[in-house]
Amino acid sequence: MRPPLHRLALVTLAGCTGVALLTAADTRKPTTEWMARPSEAARIARVEAGLPTVTLPGEKPMRLPLERWMELYKIPGVSVAVFEKNALVWAKGYGVKQAGGTDPVTPDTLFQAASISKPVTALAALHHAEARKWSLDANINDTLGTWKLPENEYTKTEKVTLRRLLSHSAGTTVHGFPGYAVTDPLPTVEQVLDGAKPANTAPVRVDIVPGTKTRYSGGGTTLVQLMMVNQLKKPFPQIMRETVLAPLGLKHSTYEQPLPAALAPMAAAGTRFGGESVEGKWHVYPEMAAAGLWTTPSDLGRVAIEVSKARAGKSTRVLSQAMAKQMLTKQSESFGLGFQLEGDKDRFLHGGSNEGFQCLLIAFADSGSGVAIMTNSDSGGLLFDRIVSSVAAEYGWKSYVPRPENFFIQMDLLARLKGTDAALAWYRSMKRDDTSGKLTPGDLNNLGYRLLSEGQGADALKVLQANVELYPEDANAYDSLGECFMKAGQKEEAIASYKKSLELDSKNTNAVKMLEKLGAKP
């Protein structure tokens, strides 16, 4: 299952300035491609032609063009920017802003950056920490204002700090946020943190001793948002514009939520797995620090370039060299301060998944190289590894090692090209030969939910029934099957599945809730 405000009274000047910055550069006729030099055209063509091949069982490898991949995954639009030696070298848009539309994606089309909002927020938080506005290592409650994060047995000896919040090691809850439909009432940040209506997520609390474990928490980043607003006495979008966006010349970026009406024509519309547009085109995220950034791949590239230059001592527009080094040094199992750190010591990255949008930024600090990819689709992430692999091969990024294609992606692709029965037959054969335990019930669960979201209920049921057959001890497999039976109107079968899930996991509160909804005793 998918994990992925009071409207802050914007100062009029801040809001108007943001709109001016974004619209001034867009009076020219839209183009879908930008290049630093004409010779880059050949490299773009090789990237587009070099996407990794596909090998289906019993068939020869085949290579599909990007447009075919987009069609296969029902992704209306993709935007890519590549940077080398601390400079953007090209940017290009593919497809359209909205499913069924004709307006092309251009390098200046705005997308929701989703969780990539977090490391950009981290830049501002670290900038002001250097200015001694607050400490990286003090108890966050000292700077939150009148609202306080409740203390409990987990915070007796170790405290929630800004350093731990930015490195996802503070022990805070709430992985991510689903956002709000454009017609929904919006909660204040304090209501989000308390899980109070109209907030649609649980309270943000501490349930692990801070500093003892890495666990991703968008809720923790929302604490950072509240702290920054209360300490600097300014709306969050204004803080981000003044501290990061304007100093770096990010003319196509804003944290304003809801998106101002004047900017809506520049924005892509989110798309669900089945290819339908999100109602109202996108969701609104009062959790701005965690998920509220609207931007372009080129502007994300400029962020990564600035971080690389700061670490090398070549720029101090936002951070000093010392602080940039801290940002790109592991503070927890897998995170620095804001960015995820992976592989070689110079690689930093972050992905993002909002309702109808998926994106990725990956960069190499030593060489000042990297790529940003933004899509207006829940399926966008299925393209990331293919595009990054092709770019890395073309530009000779020796430290980039492609990740092995996971079983879900292989099975999902087979289902799209050959049908669900072929995908299940392949998975069963792989399961028979799997002695390493690499296959998991999550593979089939994900495929089942993908089919369910695309209105293919019969195929989804077939997949989820196979999941409980192959993994009879997995409580979540039965829970998911129960949901599928519910949506198919098969009440008795749904009750039986939820009861079996609860039998396997007595702490499954969702099963209890669903059984009560179905009028059955847990």
Protein backbone atom coordinates (compact mmCIF):
# COMPACT_ATOMS: atom_id res chain seq x y z
CA MET A 1 0.00 0.00 0.00
CA ARG A 2 1.11 3.55 -0.69
CA PRO A 3 2.87 5.15 2.35
CA PRO A 4 4.40 7.52 -1.80
CA LEU A 5 -2.44 25.43 7.32
CA HIS A 6 -4.05 27.14 7.94
CA ARG A 7 -2.90 28.79 4.73
CA LEU A 8 0.12 30.72 5.86
CA ALA A 9 -0.78 34.36 5.26
CA LEU A 10 1.59 35.19 2.46
CA VAL A 11 3.08 38.65 2.52
CA THR A 12 1.69 40.30 -0.62
CA LEU A 13 5.09 41.45 -1.81
CA ALA A 14 6.54 37.94 -1.45
CA GLY A 15 3.73 36.37 -3.43
CA CYS A 16 3.88 38.94 -6.21
CA THR A 17 7.64 38.71 -6.48
CA GLY A 18 7.45 34.94 -6.79
CA VAL A 19 4.99 35.22 -9.65
CA ALA A 20 7.12 37.84 -11.39
CA LEU A 21 10.23 35.70 -11.18
CA LEU A 22 8.44 32.75 -12.71
CA THR A 23 6.52 34.49 -15.45
CA ALA A 24 9.10 36.95 -16.70
CA ALA A 25 11.15 34.24 -18.39
CA ASP A 26 8.19 32.64 -20.15
CA THR A 27 6.98 35.22 -22.65
CA ARG A 28 8.85 33.59 -25.50
CA LYS A 29 7.41 30.80 -27.61
CA PRO A 30 7.70 27.46 -25.74
CA THR A 31 10.43 25.15 -26.97
CA THR A 32 11.00 21.58 -25.87
CA GLU A 33 14.80 21.61 -25.91
CA TRP A 34 17.71 23.68 -24.63
CA MET A 35 21.40 23.01 -25.30
CA ALA A 36 24.55 24.75 -24.09
CA ARG A 37 26.14 24.10 -27.48
CA PRO A 38 25.02 22.55 -30.80
CA SER A 39 27.30 19.52 -30.36
CA GLU A 40 25.09 18.44 -27.46
CA ALA A 41 22.34 17.46 -29.91
CA ALA A 42 24.21 14.30 -30.88
CA ARG A 43 24.66 13.36 -27.23
CA ILE A 44 20.96 13.85 -26.53
CA ALA A 45 20.15 11.57 -29.46
CA ARG A 46 22.52 8.91 -28.12
CA VAL A 47 20.96 9.11 -24.66
CA GLU A 48 17.51 8.68 -26.17
CA ALA A 49 18.69 5.74 -28.29
CA GLY A 50 20.71 4.13 -25.50
CA LEU A 51 18.03 3.18 -22.98
CA PRO A 52 18.73 -0.32 -21.63
CA THR A 53 17.32 -3.22 -23.61
CA VAL A 54 14.38 -5.35 -22.52
CA THR A 55 14.60 -9.13 -22.48
CA LEU A 56 11.35 -11.05 -22.18
CA PRO A 57 11.38 -14.78 -21.34
CA GLY A 58 12.26 -16.78 -24.44
CA GLU A 59 12.79 -13.71 -26.64
CA LYS A 60 15.73 -11.71 -27.95
CA PRO A 61 16.68 -8.42 -26.27
CA MET A 62 14.86 -5.43 -27.72
CA ARG A 63 15.40 -1.70 -27.36
CA LEU A 64 12.42 0.64 -26.99
CA PRO A 65 12.50 4.40 -27.63
CA LEU A 66 11.61 6.74 -24.77
CA GLU A 67 8.25 7.61 -26.33
CA ARG A 68 7.32 3.91 -26.36
CA TRP A 69 8.26 3.57 -22.69
CA MET A 70 6.08 6.58 -21.89
CA GLU A 71 3.19 5.05 -23.80
CA LEU A 72 3.68 1.69 -22.09
CA TYR A 73 3.62 3.20 -18.61
CA LYS A 74 0.95 5.81 -19.47
CA ILE A 75 3.25 8.72 -18.60
CA PRO A 76 2.08 11.91 -20.38
CA GLY A 77 5.20 14.01 -19.77
CA VAL A 78 8.88 13.72 -18.88
CA SER A 79 11.41 16.50 -18.36
CA VAL A 80 15.18 15.92 -18.12
CA ALA A 81 18.18 18.14 -17.38
CA VAL A 82 21.83 17.02 -17.48
CA PHE A 83 24.75 18.86 -15.91
CA GLU A 84 28.51 18.36 -16.24
CA LYS A 85 31.48 20.09 -14.59
CA ASN A 86 29.14 22.29 -12.54
CA ALA A 87 27.21 23.59 -15.56
CA LEU A 88 23.92 22.67 -17.20
CA VAL A 89 24.56 21.19 -20.65
CA TRP A 90 21.08 20.35 -21.86
CA ALA A 91 17.44 20.12 -20.90
CA LYS A 92 14.57 18.62 -22.82
CA GLY A 93 10.85 18.01 -22.42
CA TYR A 94 8.98 14.99 -23.79
CA GLY A 95 5.25 14.51 -24.17
CA VAL A 96 2.51 16.77 -22.86
CA LYS A 97 1.64 18.66 -19.68
CA GLN A 98 -1.63 16.80 -19.16
CA ALA A 99 -2.98 13.42 -20.21
CA GLY A 100 -5.02 13.86 -23.37
CA GLY A 101 -3.75 17.40 -23.88
CA THR A 102 -1.59 18.98 -26.56
CA ASP A 103 0.51 21.55 -24.68
CA PRO A 104 4.09 20.23 -24.82
CA VAL A 105 6.36 19.76 -21.84
CA THR A 106 9.21 22.27 -22.12
CA PRO A 107 12.34 22.74 -19.97
CA ASP A 108 10.41 25.49 -18.12
CA THR A 109 7.31 23.42 -17.33
CA LEU A 110 6.72 23.25 -13.58
CA PHE A 111 6.44 19.90 -11.80
CA GLN A 112 5.92 19.04 -8.16
CA ALA A 113 9.31 18.07 -6.73
CA ALA A 114 7.61 16.14 -3.93
CA SER A 115 10.22 14.92 -1.43
CA ILE A 116 13.09 16.63 -3.23
CA SER A 117 11.62 19.61 -1.40
CA LYS A 118 13.36 18.23 1.72
CA PRO A 119 17.04 18.66 0.77
CA VAL A 120 16.30 22.11 -0.68
CA THR A 121 14.66 22.97 2.65
CA ALA A 122 17.76 21.59 4.36
CA LEU A 123 19.91 24.13 2.52
CA ALA A 124 17.90 26.97 4.06
CA ALA A 125 17.88 25.41 7.53
CA LEU A 126 21.66 24.95 7.42
CA HIS A 127 22.21 28.48 6.10
CA HIS A 128 20.43 29.96 9.09
CA ALA A 129 22.16 27.57 11.47
CA GLU A 130 25.44 29.04 10.22
CA ALA A 131 24.02 32.51 10.86
CA ARG A 132 23.40 31.36 14.44
CA LYS A 133 19.64 31.64 14.19
CA TRP A 134 19.41 28.14 15.67
CA SER A 135 21.53 25.10 16.54
CA LEU A 136 21.87 21.81 14.72
CA ASP A 137 22.12 19.89 17.98
CA ALA A 138 19.77 21.59 20.47
CA ASN A 139 16.40 20.17 21.48
CA ILE A 140 14.02 21.18 18.65
CA ASN A 141 11.40 22.10 21.27
CA ASP A 142 13.59 25.06 22.23
CA THR A 143 12.87 26.69 18.86
CA LEU A 144 9.39 25.46 17.87
CA GLY A 145 7.46 28.28 19.52
CA THR A 146 4.26 27.72 21.47
CA TRP A 147 3.56 24.32 19.88
CA LYS A 148 5.76 21.58 21.35
CA LEU A 149 6.58 18.05 20.26
CA PRO A 150 5.31 15.91 23.14
CA GLU A 151 8.09 14.42 25.25
CA ASN A 152 7.78 10.74 26.21
CA GLU A 153 9.81 7.75 27.34
CA TYR A 154 11.78 7.79 24.08
CA THR A 155 13.01 11.36 24.57
CA LYS A 156 14.10 11.08 28.21
CA THR A 157 17.81 10.89 27.44
CA GLU A 158 18.07 11.63 23.71
CA LYS A 159 16.39 14.63 22.12
CA VAL A 160 14.95 15.43 18.71
CA THR A 161 17.37 17.85 17.04
CA LEU A 162 17.60 19.61 13.69
CA ARG A 163 20.56 17.40 12.72
CA ARG A 164 18.52 14.27 13.42
CA LEU A 165 15.43 15.62 11.66
CA LEU A 166 17.40 16.43 8.50
CA SER A 167 19.06 12.99 8.53
CA HIS A 168 15.85 11.06 9.28
CA SER A 169 17.19 9.72 12.56
CA ALA A 170 15.03 11.69 15.02
CA GLY A 171 12.60 8.84 15.68
CA THR A 172 9.63 10.85 14.38
CA THR A 173 6.61 9.27 12.72
CA VAL A 174 4.61 9.89 9.49
CA HIS A 175 6.51 8.72 6.42
CA GLY A 176 4.83 10.93 3.83
CA PHE A 177 1.78 13.01 2.95
CA PRO A 178 -1.00 12.39 0.40
CA GLY A 179 -1.78 16.08 -0.01
CA TYR A 180 -5.24 17.63 -0.31
CA ALA A 181 -7.58 17.98 -3.26
CA VAL A 182 -7.70 21.55 -4.53
CA THR A 183 -11.25 21.89 -3.15
CA ASP A 184 -10.46 20.47 0.31
CA PRO A 185 -10.00 22.62 3.44
CA LEU A 186 -6.34 22.87 4.39
CA PRO A 187 -5.00 22.27 7.90
CA THR A 188 -2.53 24.50 9.70
CA VAL A 189 0.98 23.12 10.18
CA GLU A 190 0.14 22.61 13.86
CA GLN A 191 -2.97 20.61 12.89
CA VAL A 192 -0.83 18.47 10.58
CA LEU A 193 1.60 17.82 13.43
CA ASP A 194 -1.23 16.90 15.81
CA GLY A 195 -3.17 14.88 13.23
CA ALA A 196 -6.17 17.11 13.97
CA LYS A 197 -8.95 17.72 11.43
CA PRO A 198 -8.86 18.67 8.64
CA ALA A 199 -5.41 17.01 8.55
CA ASN A 200 -5.51 13.64 6.79
CA THR A 201 -2.45 12.05 8.42
CA ALA A 202 -1.60 10.74 11.87
CA PRO A 203 0.03 12.90 14.58
CA VAL A 204 3.78 13.41 14.30
CA ARG A 205 5.26 11.88 17.43
CA VAL A 206 8.45 10.15 18.58
CA ASP A 207 8.28 6.37 18.92
CA ILE A 208 11.98 5.46 18.58
CA VAL A 209 14.83 6.77 20.70
CA PRO A 210 16.27 9.70 18.70
CA GLY A 211 19.62 8.96 17.10
CA THR A 212 19.31 5.17 17.25
CA LYS A 213 17.78 4.34 13.86
CA THR A 214 17.33 5.77 10.37
CA ARG A 215 13.66 5.97 9.42
CA TYR A 216 12.35 8.31 6.74
CA SER A 217 9.97 10.90 8.18
CA GLY A 218 8.20 13.64 6.28
CA GLY A 219 6.62 14.46 9.61
CA GLY A 220 10.06 15.35 10.93
CA THR A 221 10.64 17.78 8.06
CA THR A 222 7.33 19.45 8.88
CA LEU A 223 8.73 20.16 12.36
CA VAL A 224 11.59 21.95 10.60
CA GLN A 225 9.06 24.03 8.65
CA LEU A 226 7.28 25.13 11.84
CA MET A 227 10.58 25.98 13.51
CA MET A 228 11.79 28.11 10.58
CA VAL A 229 8.52 30.04 10.29
CA ASN A 230 8.30 30.75 14.00
CA GLN A 231 11.93 31.76 14.34
CA LEU A 232 12.19 33.94 11.22
CA LYS A 233 8.65 35.37 11.48
CA LYS A 234 8.02 35.01 7.75
CA PRO A 235 5.86 32.71 5.57
CA PHE A 236 7.74 29.59 4.54
CA PRO A 237 7.68 30.31 0.76
CA GLN A 238 9.24 33.71 1.43
CA ILE A 239 11.96 32.17 3.61
CA MET A 240 12.85 29.70 0.87
CA ARG A 241 12.76 32.35 -1.87
CA GLU A 242 15.03 34.72 0.04
CA THR A 243 17.44 32.07 1.35
CA VAL A 244 17.82 29.63 -1.57
CA LEU A 245 15.70 30.22 -4.66
CA ALA A 246 16.62 33.84 -5.42
CA PRO A 247 20.33 33.59 -4.46
CA LEU A 248 20.71 30.61 -6.81
CA GLY A 249 18.73 32.23 -9.63
CA LEU A 250 15.99 29.59 -9.59
CA LYS A 251 13.49 31.52 -11.68
CA HIS A 252 11.14 28.57 -12.16
CA SER A 253 10.74 27.47 -8.54
CA THR A 254 8.34 28.28 -5.71
CA TYR A 255 7.18 26.74 -2.45
CA GLU A 256 3.83 28.55 -2.66
CA GLN A 257 0.94 26.22 -1.79
CA PRO A 258 -1.63 26.37 -3.26
CA LEU A 259 0.08 27.23 -6.53
CA PRO A 260 -0.88 30.82 -7.48
CA ALA A 261 -3.42 30.99 -10.32
CA ALA A 262 -0.97 33.02 -12.43
CA LEU A 263 1.46 30.08 -12.46
CA ALA A 264 -1.07 27.32 -13.20
CA PRO A 265 -0.67 27.57 -17.02
CA MET A 266 3.04 26.77 -16.60
CA ALA A 267 2.43 23.62 -14.54
CA ALA A 268 2.06 19.98 -15.52
CA ALA A 269 -1.02 18.09 -14.31
CA GLY A 270 -0.52 14.98 -12.20
CA THR A 271 -1.50 11.60 -13.63
CA ARG A 272 -2.55 8.36 -11.94
CA PHE A 273 -1.24 4.89 -12.81
CA GLY A 274 -4.08 4.26 -15.23
CA GLY A 275 -3.40 7.42 -17.21
CA GLU A 276 -6.20 9.61 -15.79
CA SER A 277 -5.42 13.12 -14.60
CA VAL A 278 -5.55 13.86 -10.88
CA GLU A 279 -8.81 15.64 -10.01
CA GLY A 280 -8.12 19.37 -10.05
CA LYS A 281 -4.80 18.59 -11.82
CA TRP A 282 -2.75 18.25 -8.60
CA HIS A 283 -2.93 18.05 -4.84
CA VAL A 284 -2.05 20.87 -2.44
CA TYR A 285 0.65 20.34 0.19
CA PRO A 286 0.61 22.59 3.27
CA GLU A 287 3.58 20.42 4.33
CA MET A 288 5.69 22.70 2.13
CA ALA A 289 9.12 21.83 3.52
CA ALA A 290 8.52 18.12 2.96
CA ALA A 291 6.60 18.14 -0.33
CA GLY A 292 5.63 21.64 -1.51
CA LEU A 293 8.27 22.69 -4.07
CA TRP A 294 7.20 23.39 -7.66
CA THR A 295 10.24 23.49 -9.93
CA THR A 296 11.98 22.24 -13.08
CA PRO A 297 14.82 19.74 -13.66
CA SER A 298 17.10 22.63 -14.65
CA ASP A 299 16.52 24.39 -11.34
CA LEU A 300 17.09 21.14 -9.45
CA GLY A 301 20.33 20.77 -11.38
CA ARG A 302 21.34 24.26 -10.24
CA VAL A 303 20.72 23.21 -6.62
CA ALA A 304 22.97 20.16 -7.00
CA ILE A 305 25.65 22.24 -8.75
CA GLU A 306 25.63 24.73 -5.88
CA VAL A 307 26.05 21.97 -3.30
CA SER A 308 28.97 20.48 -5.26
CA LYS A 309 30.62 23.89 -5.68
CA ALA A 310 30.15 24.75 -2.00
CA ARG A 311 31.72 21.47 -0.92
CA ALA A 312 34.69 22.25 -3.16
CA GLY A 313 34.99 25.75 -1.70
CA LYS A 314 33.99 27.39 -5.01
CA SER A 315 30.79 29.08 -3.82
CA THR A 316 29.31 30.40 -0.58
CA ARG A 317 26.00 31.73 -1.90
CA VAL A 318 24.05 29.55 0.57
CA LEU A 319 26.50 27.40 2.57
CA SER A 320 30.12 27.58 3.62
CA GLN A 321 32.47 24.81 2.54
CA ALA A 322 32.47 23.39 6.07
CA MET A 323 28.69 23.18 6.22
CA ALA A 324 28.43 21.75 2.70
CA LYS A 325 30.85 19.02 3.75
CA GLN A 326 28.62 18.24 6.72
CA MET A 327 25.60 18.12 4.41
CA LEU A 328 27.33 15.46 2.29
CA THR A 329 28.71 13.45 5.21
CA LYS A 330 26.60 10.58 6.55
CA GLN A 331 24.80 11.63 9.72
CA SER A 332 22.74 8.44 9.86
CA GLU A 333 22.76 5.08 8.12
CA SER A 334 21.95 6.46 4.67
CA PHE A 335 21.47 10.23 4.91
CA GLY A 336 23.59 13.32 5.19
CA LEU A 337 21.75 16.52 6.07
CA GLY A 338 18.85 16.45 3.62
CA PHE A 339 20.32 14.32 0.84
CA GLN A 340 20.54 10.57 0.67
CA LEU A 341 24.14 9.40 0.25
CA GLU A 342 24.79 6.30 -1.79
CA GLY A 343 27.70 4.34 -3.20
CA ASP A 344 30.83 6.39 -3.62
CA LYS A 345 31.34 9.18 -1.13
CA ASP A 346 30.58 11.90 -3.66
CA ARG A 347 27.17 10.62 -4.83
CA PHE A 348 24.13 12.40 -3.40
CA LEU A 349 20.53 12.07 -4.45
CA HIS A 350 16.87 12.28 -3.54
CA GLY A 351 13.65 11.07 -5.10
CA GLY A 352 10.12 12.37 -4.82
CA SER A 353 6.59 11.01 -5.10
CA ASN A 354 3.51 13.23 -4.78
CA GLU A 355 0.03 12.38 -6.00
CA GLY A 356 0.47 12.12 -9.78
CA PHE A 357 4.14 13.17 -9.85
CA GLN A 358 7.46 11.34 -9.51
CA CYS A 359 10.96 12.76 -9.82
CA LEU A 360 14.64 12.06 -9.16
CA LEU A 361 17.82 14.10 -8.66
CA ILE A 362 21.17 12.30 -8.64
CA ALA A 363 24.53 14.10 -8.58
CA PHE A 364 28.26 13.53 -8.17
CA ALA A 365 29.99 16.17 -6.07
CA ASP A 366 33.54 15.47 -7.23
CA SER A 367 32.79 16.02 -10.92
CA GLY A 368 29.84 18.41 -10.61
CA SER A 369 27.80 16.07 -12.78
CA GLY A 370 24.32 14.65 -12.57
CA VAL A 371 20.81 14.43 -13.92
CA ALA A 372 17.35 15.55 -12.81
CA ILE A 373 14.21 13.82 -14.09
CA MET A 374 10.65 14.96 -13.44
CA THR A 375 7.43 13.27 -14.57
CA ASN A 376 3.73 13.97 -14.23
CA SER A 377 2.76 10.38 -13.47
CA ASP A 378 2.57 7.89 -10.61
CA SER A 379 4.39 5.54 -13.01
CA GLY A 380 7.29 7.93 -13.62
CA GLY A 381 9.70 6.12 -11.34
CA LEU A 382 9.61 3.08 -13.62
CA LEU A 383 11.65 5.09 -16.15
CA PHE A 384 14.30 6.57 -13.85
CA ASP A 385 16.90 3.81 -13.89
CA ARG A 386 16.68 3.49 -17.67
CA ILE A 387 17.21 7.19 -18.29
CA VAL A 388 19.97 7.57 -15.69
CA SER A 389 21.81 4.50 -17.02
CA SER A 390 21.79 5.90 -20.55
CA VAL A 391 22.95 9.36 -19.44
CA ALA A 392 25.68 7.84 -17.26
CA ALA A 393 26.95 5.71 -20.15
CA GLU A 394 27.01 8.67 -22.55
CA TYR A 395 28.85 10.97 -20.13
CA GLY A 396 31.18 8.35 -18.71
CA TRP A 397 30.12 8.45 -15.06
CA LYS A 398 32.36 5.62 -13.93
CA SER A 399 31.16 5.68 -10.35
CA TYR A 400 27.56 5.13 -11.37
CA VAL A 401 26.56 1.48 -11.09
CA PRO A 402 23.10 0.64 -12.41
CA ARG A 403 20.87 -1.10 -9.90
CA PRO A 404 19.72 -4.60 -10.83
CA GLU A 405 16.19 -4.47 -12.16
CA ASN A 406 13.93 -5.66 -9.36
CA PHE A 407 11.43 -8.45 -9.77
CA PHE A 408 8.39 -6.18 -9.61
CA ILE A 409 9.59 -4.06 -12.54
CA GLN A 410 10.32 -7.17 -14.60
CA MET A 411 6.98 -8.75 -13.78
CA ASP A 412 5.06 -5.51 -14.31
CA LEU A 413 6.70 -5.00 -17.69
CA LEU A 414 5.86 -8.57 -18.71
CA ALA A 415 2.25 -8.00 -17.65
CA ARG A 416 2.05 -4.84 -19.76
CA LEU A 417 3.57 -6.46 -22.85
CA LYS A 418 2.29 -10.05 -22.61
CA GLY A 419 -0.58 -10.00 -20.12
CA THR A 420 -1.14 -10.85 -16.46
CA ASP A 421 -1.22 -14.63 -16.98
CA ALA A 422 2.24 -14.57 -18.60
CA ALA A 423 3.59 -12.45 -15.74
CA LEU A 424 2.19 -14.81 -13.10
CA ALA A 425 3.54 -17.89 -14.90
CA TRP A 426 7.00 -16.30 -15.00
CA TYR A 427 6.83 -15.35 -11.33
CA ARG A 428 5.79 -18.85 -10.30
CA SER A 429 8.72 -20.33 -12.21
CA MET A 430 11.10 -17.85 -10.56
CA LYS A 431 9.62 -18.67 -7.14
CA ARG A 432 10.24 -22.37 -7.63
CA ASP A 433 13.92 -21.69 -8.32
CA ASP A 434 14.37 -18.95 -5.70
CA THR A 435 16.75 -20.22 -3.02
CA SER A 436 18.06 -16.80 -2.03
CA GLY A 437 14.82 -15.35 -0.73
CA LYS A 438 15.03 -12.36 -3.10
CA LEU A 439 11.41 -12.75 -4.14
CA THR A 440 8.94 -11.23 -1.70
CA PRO A 441 5.15 -10.95 -1.40
CA GLY A 442 5.61 -7.24 -2.01
CA ASP A 443 6.31 -7.96 -5.70
CA LEU A 444 2.88 -9.44 -6.32
CA ASN A 445 1.24 -7.00 -3.93
CA ASN A 446 2.55 -4.05 -5.93
CA LEU A 447 1.42 -5.56 -9.21
CA GLY A 448 -2.02 -6.26 -7.74
CA TYR A 449 -2.42 -2.66 -6.59
CA ARG A 450 -1.19 -1.32 -9.91
CA LEU A 451 -3.81 -3.36 -11.75
CA LEU A 452 -6.47 -2.36 -9.23
CA SER A 453 -5.64 1.33 -9.66
CA GLU A 454 -6.00 0.98 -13.43
CA GLY A 455 -9.45 -0.59 -13.17
CA GLN A 456 -8.30 -4.12 -13.98
CA GLY A 457 -10.08 -5.66 -11.00
CA ALA A 458 -10.28 -9.23 -12.30
CA ASP A 459 -6.54 -9.37 -13.04
CA ALA A 460 -5.75 -7.70 -9.71
CA LEU A 461 -7.76 -10.35 -7.88
CA LYS A 462 -5.95 -13.08 -9.78
CA VAL A 463 -2.57 -11.66 -8.73
CA LEU A 464 -3.48 -11.11 -5.08
CA GLN A 465 -4.97 -14.60 -4.81
CA ALA A 466 -1.69 -15.98 -6.16
CA ASN A 467 0.12 -13.93 -3.51
CA VAL A 468 -1.65 -15.63 -0.57
CA GLU A 469 -1.18 -18.99 -2.24
CA LEU A 470 2.58 -18.47 -2.60
CA TYR A 471 3.01 -16.64 0.72
CA PRO A 472 0.38 -18.18 3.05
CA GLU A 473 2.01 -16.75 6.19
CA ASP A 474 2.05 -13.13 5.05
CA ALA A 475 -0.58 -11.03 6.85
CA ASN A 476 -0.36 -8.09 4.46
CA ALA A 477 -1.03 -10.33 1.47
CA TYR A 478 -4.37 -11.33 3.01
CA ASP A 479 -5.10 -7.72 3.95
CA SER A 480 -4.57 -6.61 0.35
CA LEU A 481 -6.68 -9.48 -0.96
CA GLY A 482 -9.43 -8.41 1.43
CA GLU A 483 -9.37 -4.90 -0.04
CA CYS A 484 -9.58 -6.29 -3.55
CA PHE A 485 -12.56 -8.50 -2.62
CA MET A 486 -14.24 -5.46 -1.04
CA LYS A 487 -13.87 -3.43 -4.22
CA ALA A 488 -15.24 -6.37 -6.21
CA GLY A 489 -18.34 -6.50 -3.96
CA GLN A 490 -17.43 -9.94 -2.61
CA LYS A 491 -18.23 -9.27 1.05
CA GLU A 492 -17.89 -12.78 2.51
CA GLU A 493 -14.56 -13.37 0.80
CA ALA A 494 -13.33 -9.98 2.03
CA ILE A 495 -14.31 -10.84 5.61
CA ALA A 496 -12.50 -14.18 5.41
CA SER A 497 -9.34 -12.54 4.07
CA TYR A 498 -9.27 -9.83 6.73
CA LYS A 499 -9.86 -12.41 9.48
CA LYS A 500 -6.98 -14.49 8.17
CA SER A 501 -4.75 -11.39 8.10
CA LEU A 502 -5.69 -10.61 11.71
CA GLU A 503 -5.01 -14.20 12.71
CA LEU A 504 -1.49 -13.88 11.29
CA ASP A 505 -0.92 -10.39 12.72
CA SER A 506 -2.98 -9.48 15.79
CA LYS A 507 -1.69 -5.88 15.57
CA ASN A 508 -3.20 -5.28 12.13
CA THR A 509 -5.48 -2.39 13.01
CA ASN A 510 -6.48 -1.92 9.38
CA ALA A 511 -8.00 -5.42 9.32
CA VAL A 512 -9.98 -4.62 12.48
CA LYS A 513 -11.24 -1.38 10.95
CA MET A 514 -12.25 -3.06 7.69
CA LEU A 515 -14.03 -5.93 9.47
CA GLU A 516 -16.04 -3.41 11.47
CA LYS A 517 -16.87 -1.58 8.25
CA LEU A 518 -18.07 -4.88 6.78
CA GLY A 519 -20.25 -5.53 9.84
CA ALA A 520 -18.19 -8.49 11.03
CA LYS A 521 -16.61 -9.15 14.39
CA PRO A 522 -12.77 -9.14 14.39
